[in-house]
Amino acid sequence: MSRTKPVARKFRGVTIPTASHPAIRRVKRQGTSPSIHGTKPWKSSALLIDYLKKHPPAHAGRVIDVGCGWGVAGIWCAKKLRSEVTSVDADPDVFPFLDEVAAMNQVRTSHLVKRFEQLTVKKLARYDMLIAADICFWDELVKPVTNMVNRAVKAGVKHIYIADPERSTFLEMAERCVDKHCGELIDWRTRGTIETRGALLTIENA
């Protein structure tokens, strides 16, 4: 007897749908199709959520979730930290999916269509915390992500957390930021309904 695969999982208090969830399928039927890997929730979001749950940030009133995709980590911040979250992605087609995930969790986030290079010091200065997961997956992303982190530090963003399954491109970016900003590269592993492992770049700029 075959078991039906779940269409959503609960992880650290947030509901995360799969691609087969009825609400997600409904969005797809409307013709929405993300083009920059925003096709599902990526597991590095679970690394971020688990880390933030175990190490609650002192400053989380205003959060920017960069390269948000379906926005799971930012939605967790809105739900559990009561943060005012801005979800940022270069692909506007991710936002109908993000809205469905937010609605499942009874929260809302603001949307912003921007590339990493377009997040200026002035814009980043509005936020207490920057989070991101799986955003440094191509060689050509190392420099823009590094420069974005540099601008976030200059802007006075108090906490910067970026998670990844330890791609070589992420590690190159993280090493640059650790050296320049006294950051830390932390191995992390989750257990429970989502089991994954990877690393987090953490910079405390408070």
C-alpha atoms as a PDB file:
ATOM      1  CA  MET A   1       0.000   0.000   0.000  1.00  0.00           C
ATOM      2  CA  SER A   2       1.599   3.262  -1.122  1.00  0.00           C
ATOM      3  CA  ARG A   3       1.670   6.255   1.196  1.00  0.00           C
ATOM      4  CA  THR A   4       0.493   9.612  -0.084  1.00  0.00           C
ATOM      5  CA  LYS A   5       3.265  12.185  -0.036  1.00  0.00           C
ATOM      6  CA  PRO A   6       2.493  15.217   2.147  1.00  0.00           C
ATOM      7  CA  VAL A   7       1.676  18.442   0.305  1.00  0.00           C
ATOM      8  CA  ALA A   8       3.104  20.569   3.145  1.00  0.00           C
ATOM      9  CA  ARG A   9       5.398  20.244   6.140  1.00  0.00           C
ATOM     10  CA  LYS A  10       5.583  22.042   9.444  1.00  0.00           C
ATOM     11  CA  PHE A  11       9.095  23.131  10.370  1.00  0.00           C
ATOM     12  CA  ARG A  12       9.852  25.141  13.510  1.00  0.00           C
ATOM     13  CA  GLY A  13       6.311  26.489  13.478  1.00  0.00           C
ATOM     14  CA  VAL A  14       6.030  27.496   9.832  1.00  0.00           C
ATOM     15  CA  THR A  15       4.037  25.668   7.133  1.00  0.00           C
ATOM     16  CA  ILE A  16       6.070  24.939   3.995  1.00  0.00           C
ATOM     17  CA  PRO A  17       4.134  23.619   0.972  1.00  0.00           C
ATOM     18  CA  THR A  18       5.516  21.303  -1.678  1.00  0.00           C
ATOM     19  CA  ALA A  19       5.057  21.856  -5.416  1.00  0.00           C
ATOM     20  CA  SER A  20       2.039  19.521  -5.303  1.00  0.00           C
ATOM     21  CA  HIS A  21       0.098  21.615  -2.763  1.00  0.00           C
ATOM     22  CA  PRO A  22      -3.289  22.661  -4.237  1.00  0.00           C
ATOM     23  CA  ALA A  23      -2.581  26.376  -3.719  1.00  0.00           C
ATOM     24  CA  ILE A  24       0.781  26.093  -5.490  1.00  0.00           C
ATOM     25  CA  ARG A  25      -0.726  24.077  -8.325  1.00  0.00           C
ATOM     26  CA  ARG A  26      -3.401  26.740  -8.711  1.00  0.00           C
ATOM     27  CA  VAL A  27      -0.753  29.426  -9.203  1.00  0.00           C
ATOM     28  CA  LYS A  28       1.009  27.264 -11.774  1.00  0.00           C
ATOM     29  CA  ARG A  29      -2.223  26.743 -13.685  1.00  0.00           C
ATOM     30  CA  GLN A  30      -2.506  30.517 -13.996  1.00  0.00           C
ATOM     31  CA  GLY A  31       0.686  30.408 -16.051  1.00  0.00           C
ATOM     32  CA  THR A  32       3.134  31.763 -13.476  1.00  0.00           C
ATOM     33  CA  SER A  33       6.573  30.191 -13.823  1.00  0.00           C
ATOM     34  CA  PRO A  34       9.656  31.537 -12.006  1.00  0.00           C
ATOM     35  CA  SER A  35      12.763  31.700 -14.165  1.00  0.00           C
ATOM     36  CA  ILE A  36      15.668  32.095 -11.698  1.00  0.00           C
ATOM     37  CA  HIS A  37      15.434  28.899  -9.627  1.00  0.00           C
ATOM     38  CA  GLY A  38      12.392  30.108  -7.664  1.00  0.00           C
ATOM     39  CA  THR A  39      10.556  26.876  -8.400  1.00  0.00           C
ATOM     40  CA  LYS A  40      10.392  25.413  -4.874  1.00  0.00           C
ATOM     41  CA  PRO A  41      11.426  26.108  -1.272  1.00  0.00           C
ATOM     42  CA  TRP A  42      15.162  25.403  -0.980  1.00  0.00           C
ATOM     43  CA  LYS A  43      16.419  23.518   2.051  1.00  0.00           C
ATOM     44  CA  SER A  44      18.915  26.187   3.079  1.00  0.00           C
ATOM     45  CA  SER A  45      15.920  28.210   4.274  1.00  0.00           C
ATOM     46  CA  ALA A  46      15.526  25.531   6.946  1.00  0.00           C
ATOM     47  CA  LEU A  47      19.137  26.124   8.032  1.00  0.00           C
ATOM     48  CA  LEU A  48      18.362  29.819   8.471  1.00  0.00           C
ATOM     49  CA  ILE A  49      15.122  29.209  10.358  1.00  0.00           C
ATOM     50  CA  ASP A  50      16.704  26.647  12.668  1.00  0.00           C
ATOM     51  CA  TYR A  51      19.661  28.939  13.418  1.00  0.00           C
ATOM     52  CA  LEU A  52      17.433  31.940  14.120  1.00  0.00           C
ATOM     53  CA  LYS A  53      15.202  29.871  16.409  1.00  0.00           C
ATOM     54  CA  LYS A  54      18.207  28.727  18.425  1.00  0.00           C
ATOM     55  CA  HIS A  55      19.918  32.150  18.338  1.00  0.00           C
ATOM     56  CA  PRO A  56      17.132  34.766  18.387  1.00  0.00           C
ATOM     57  CA  PRO A  57      18.507  38.051  17.024  1.00  0.00           C
ATOM     58  CA  ALA A  58      18.440  41.095  19.264  1.00  0.00           C
ATOM     59  CA  HIS A  59      17.314  43.307  16.386  1.00  0.00           C
ATOM     60  CA  ALA A  60      14.665  41.918  14.040  1.00  0.00           C
ATOM     61  CA  GLY A  61      12.070  44.669  13.729  1.00  0.00           C
ATOM     62  CA  ARG A  62      12.760  45.228  10.030  1.00  0.00           C
ATOM     63  CA  VAL A  63      14.073  42.325   7.973  1.00  0.00           C
ATOM     64  CA  ILE A  64      15.119  42.113   4.324  1.00  0.00           C
ATOM     65  CA  ASP A  65      14.981  38.627   2.781  1.00  0.00           C
ATOM     66  CA  VAL A  66      17.206  38.794  -0.300  1.00  0.00           C
ATOM     67  CA  GLY A  67      16.799  36.364  -3.198  1.00  0.00           C
ATOM     68  CA  CYS A  68      13.701  35.249  -1.333  1.00  0.00           C
ATOM     69  CA  GLY A  69      12.135  32.803  -3.793  1.00  0.00           C
ATOM     70  CA  TRP A  70       9.027  31.483  -2.037  1.00  0.00           C
ATOM     71  CA  GLY A  71      10.032  33.524   1.005  1.00  0.00           C
ATOM     72  CA  VAL A  72       9.945  30.812   3.666  1.00  0.00           C
ATOM     73  CA  ALA A  73      12.652  32.247   5.942  1.00  0.00           C
ATOM     74  CA  GLY A  74      11.220  35.760   5.805  1.00  0.00           C
ATOM     75  CA  ILE A  75       7.730  34.399   6.451  1.00  0.00           C
ATOM     76  CA  TRP A  76       9.090  32.592   9.527  1.00  0.00           C
ATOM     77  CA  CYS A  77      10.548  35.918  10.752  1.00  0.00           C
ATOM     78  CA  ALA A  78       7.193  37.641  10.231  1.00  0.00           C
ATOM     79  CA  LYS A  79       5.370  34.875  12.086  1.00  0.00           C
ATOM     80  CA  LYS A  80       7.737  34.052  14.923  1.00  0.00           C
ATOM     81  CA  LEU A  81       9.783  37.242  15.417  1.00  0.00           C
ATOM     82  CA  ARG A  82       6.925  39.608  14.503  1.00  0.00           C
ATOM     83  CA  SER A  83       9.266  41.219  11.979  1.00  0.00           C
ATOM     84  CA  GLU A  84       8.255  43.661   9.269  1.00  0.00           C
ATOM     85  CA  VAL A  85       9.672  41.773   6.282  1.00  0.00           C
ATOM     86  CA  THR A  86      10.590  42.947   2.802  1.00  0.00           C
ATOM     87  CA  SER A  87      10.914  40.007   0.400  1.00  0.00           C
ATOM     88  CA  VAL A  88      13.322  40.787  -2.438  1.00  0.00           C
ATOM     89  CA  ASP A  89      13.875  38.852  -5.656  1.00  0.00           C
ATOM     90  CA  ALA A  90      15.026  39.662  -9.184  1.00  0.00           C
ATOM     91  CA  ASP A  91      12.182  37.528 -10.557  1.00  0.00           C
ATOM     92  CA  PRO A  92       8.689  38.980 -10.032  1.00  0.00           C
ATOM     93  CA  ASP A  93       7.135  35.592 -10.828  1.00  0.00           C
ATOM     94  CA  VAL A  94       8.124  34.210  -7.407  1.00  0.00           C
ATOM     95  CA  PHE A  95       5.727  36.500  -5.571  1.00  0.00           C
ATOM     96  CA  PRO A  96       2.430  34.726  -6.358  1.00  0.00           C
ATOM     97  CA  PHE A  97       3.967  31.603  -4.791  1.00  0.00           C
ATOM     98  CA  LEU A  98       5.304  33.587  -1.838  1.00  0.00           C
ATOM     99  CA  ASP A  99       1.864  35.101  -1.241  1.00  0.00           C
ATOM    100  CA  GLU A 100       0.332  31.636  -1.015  1.00  0.00           C
ATOM    101  CA  VAL A 101       2.945  30.510   1.512  1.00  0.00           C
ATOM    102  CA  ALA A 102       2.433  33.712   3.526  1.00  0.00           C
ATOM    103  CA  ALA A 103      -1.348  33.210   3.514  1.00  0.00           C
ATOM    104  CA  MET A 104      -0.925  29.645   4.814  1.00  0.00           C
ATOM    105  CA  ASN A 105       1.030  31.124   7.706  1.00  0.00           C
ATOM    106  CA  GLN A 106      -1.363  34.053   8.238  1.00  0.00           C
ATOM    107  CA  VAL A 107       1.253  36.750   7.637  1.00  0.00           C
ATOM    108  CA  ARG A 108       2.163  39.186   4.873  1.00  0.00           C
ATOM    109  CA  THR A 109       5.441  40.559   3.581  1.00  0.00           C
ATOM    110  CA  SER A 110       6.235  43.497   1.292  1.00  0.00           C
ATOM    111  CA  HIS A 111       7.554  42.736  -2.207  1.00  0.00           C
ATOM    112  CA  LEU A 112      10.524  44.338  -3.922  1.00  0.00           C
ATOM    113  CA  VAL A 113      11.860  43.381  -7.362  1.00  0.00           C
ATOM    114  CA  LYS A 114      15.588  44.141  -7.275  1.00  0.00           C
ATOM    115  CA  ARG A 115      18.899  42.553  -8.186  1.00  0.00           C
ATOM    116  CA  PHE A 116      21.699  42.385  -5.606  1.00  0.00           C
ATOM    117  CA  GLU A 117      23.477  45.274  -7.332  1.00  0.00           C
ATOM    118  CA  GLN A 118      20.411  47.485  -6.937  1.00  0.00           C
ATOM    119  CA  LEU A 119      20.309  47.246  -3.138  1.00  0.00           C
ATOM    120  CA  THR A 120      22.083  50.474  -2.263  1.00  0.00           C
ATOM    121  CA  VAL A 121      23.534  51.530   1.086  1.00  0.00           C
ATOM    122  CA  LYS A 122      20.639  53.969   1.478  1.00  0.00           C
ATOM    123  CA  LYS A 123      18.053  51.248   0.840  1.00  0.00           C
ATOM    124  CA  LEU A 124      19.752  48.694   3.111  1.00  0.00           C
ATOM    125  CA  ALA A 125      20.044  51.228   5.944  1.00  0.00           C
ATOM    126  CA  ARG A 126      16.298  50.801   6.580  1.00  0.00           C
ATOM    127  CA  TYR A 127      16.775  47.259   7.909  1.00  0.00           C
ATOM    128  CA  ASP A 128      17.954  45.650  11.142  1.00  0.00           C
ATOM    129  CA  MET A 129      18.628  42.226   9.662  1.00  0.00           C
ATOM    130  CA  LEU A 130      19.475  40.775   6.252  1.00  0.00           C
ATOM    131  CA  ILE A 131      18.791  37.110   5.577  1.00  0.00           C
ATOM    132  CA  ALA A 132      19.334  35.008   2.465  1.00  0.00           C
ATOM    133  CA  ALA A 133      19.479  31.347   1.445  1.00  0.00           C
ATOM    134  CA  ASP A 134      20.894  29.726  -1.687  1.00  0.00           C
ATOM    135  CA  ILE A 135      21.793  33.001  -3.394  1.00  0.00           C
ATOM    136  CA  CYS A 136      25.393  32.328  -4.478  1.00  0.00           C
ATOM    137  CA  PHE A 137      25.004  29.399  -6.873  1.00  0.00           C
ATOM    138  CA  TRP A 138      26.905  30.719  -9.944  1.00  0.00           C
ATOM    139  CA  ASP A 139      30.483  31.991 -10.288  1.00  0.00           C
ATOM    140  CA  GLU A 140      29.191  35.336 -11.561  1.00  0.00           C
ATOM    141  CA  LEU A 141      27.212  35.822  -8.327  1.00  0.00           C
ATOM    142  CA  VAL A 142      30.248  35.804  -6.019  1.00  0.00           C
ATOM    143  CA  LYS A 143      31.171  39.437  -6.634  1.00  0.00           C
ATOM    144  CA  PRO A 144      27.647  40.987  -6.496  1.00  0.00           C
ATOM    145  CA  VAL A 145      26.745  39.063  -3.334  1.00  0.00           C
ATOM    146  CA  THR A 146      30.047  40.029  -1.689  1.00  0.00           C
ATOM    147  CA  ASN A 147      29.515  43.673  -2.621  1.00  0.00           C
ATOM    148  CA  MET A 148      25.940  43.565  -1.295  1.00  0.00           C
ATOM    149  CA  VAL A 149      27.224  42.303   2.055  1.00  0.00           C
ATOM    150  CA  ASN A 150      29.839  45.079   2.068  1.00  0.00           C
ATOM    151  CA  ARG A 151      27.088  47.672   1.509  1.00  0.00           C
ATOM    152  CA  ALA A 152      24.875  46.109   4.195  1.00  0.00           C
ATOM    153  CA  VAL A 153      27.687  46.382   6.743  1.00  0.00           C
ATOM    154  CA  LYS A 154      28.349  49.979   5.694  1.00  0.00           C
ATOM    155  CA  ALA A 155      24.606  50.695   5.990  1.00  0.00           C
ATOM    156  CA  GLY A 156      24.610  49.538   9.596  1.00  0.00           C
ATOM    157  CA  VAL A 157      22.495  46.391   9.152  1.00  0.00           C
ATOM    158  CA  LYS A 158      22.921  44.775  12.572  1.00  0.00           C
ATOM    159  CA  HIS A 159      22.643  41.083  11.656  1.00  0.00           C
ATOM    160  CA  ILE A 160      23.554  39.402   8.360  1.00  0.00           C
ATOM    161  CA  TYR A 161      22.854  35.689   7.904  1.00  0.00           C
ATOM    162  CA  ILE A 162      23.330  33.819   4.620  1.00  0.00           C
ATOM    163  CA  ALA A 163      22.805  30.037   4.383  1.00  0.00           C
ATOM    164  CA  ASP A 164      23.962  27.583   1.713  1.00  0.00           C
ATOM    165  CA  PRO A 165      24.604  23.848   1.236  1.00  0.00           C
ATOM    166  CA  GLU A 166      28.317  24.771   0.968  1.00  0.00           C
ATOM    167  CA  ARG A 167      28.738  25.351  -2.738  1.00  0.00           C
ATOM    168  CA  SER A 168      32.264  26.426  -3.685  1.00  0.00           C
ATOM    169  CA  THR A 169      30.900  29.769  -4.892  1.00  0.00           C
ATOM    170  CA  PHE A 170      29.247  30.441  -1.524  1.00  0.00           C
ATOM    171  CA  LEU A 171      32.422  29.504   0.352  1.00  0.00           C
ATOM    172  CA  GLU A 172      34.481  31.878  -1.793  1.00  0.00           C
ATOM    173  CA  MET A 173      32.057  34.717  -1.077  1.00  0.00           C
ATOM    174  CA  ALA A 174      31.833  33.855   2.625  1.00  0.00           C
ATOM    175  CA  GLU A 175      35.614  33.740   3.095  1.00  0.00           C
ATOM    176  CA  ARG A 176      35.932  37.231   1.636  1.00  0.00           C
ATOM    177  CA  CYS A 177      33.260  38.535   4.000  1.00  0.00           C
ATOM    178  CA  VAL A 178      34.646  36.740   7.062  1.00  0.00           C
ATOM    179  CA  ASP A 179      38.072  38.282   6.469  1.00  0.00           C
ATOM    180  CA  LYS A 180      36.754  41.790   5.851  1.00  0.00           C
ATOM    181  CA  HIS A 181      33.966  41.993   8.432  1.00  0.00           C
ATOM    182  CA  CYS A 182      35.051  39.651  11.252  1.00  0.00           C
ATOM    183  CA  GLY A 183      32.233  37.311  10.318  1.00  0.00           C
ATOM    184  CA  GLU A 184      31.931  33.633  11.070  1.00  0.00           C
ATOM    185  CA  LEU A 185      31.304  30.587   8.896  1.00  0.00           C
ATOM    186  CA  ILE A 186      29.285  28.044  10.879  1.00  0.00           C
ATOM    187  CA  ASP A 187      28.500  24.440   9.966  1.00  0.00           C
ATOM    188  CA  TRP A 188      24.819  23.774  10.625  1.00  0.00           C
ATOM    189  CA  ARG A 189      22.504  20.783  10.518  1.00  0.00           C
ATOM    190  CA  THR A 190      18.759  20.441  10.996  1.00  0.00           C
ATOM    191  CA  ARG A 191      16.717  17.500  12.222  1.00  0.00           C
ATOM    192  CA  GLY A 192      13.001  16.815  12.244  1.00  0.00           C
ATOM    193  CA  THR A 193      10.585  17.206   9.352  1.00  0.00           C
ATOM    194  CA  ILE A 194      13.345  18.745   7.203  1.00  0.00           C
ATOM    195  CA  GLU A 195      16.802  17.236   7.566  1.00  0.00           C
ATOM    196  CA  THR A 196      19.598  19.073   5.836  1.00  0.00           C
ATOM    197  CA  ARG A 197      23.094  20.363   6.426  1.00  0.00           C
ATOM    198  CA  GLY A 198      25.208  23.219   5.172  1.00  0.00           C
ATOM    199  CA  ALA A 199      26.799  26.412   6.420  1.00  0.00           C
ATOM    200  CA  LEU A 200      25.862  29.898   7.515  1.00  0.00           C
ATOM    201  CA  LEU A 201      27.795  33.102   7.035  1.00  0.00           C
ATOM    202  CA  THR A 202      27.018  35.219  10.103  1.00  0.00           C
ATOM    203  CA  ILE A 203      28.065  38.831  10.596  1.00  0.00           C
ATOM    204  CA  GLU A 204      27.142  40.648  13.790  1.00  0.00           C
ATOM    205  CA  ASN A 205      27.336  44.351  13.081  1.00  0.00           C
ATOM    206  CA  ALA A 206      25.404  45.666  16.086  1.00  0.00           C
END
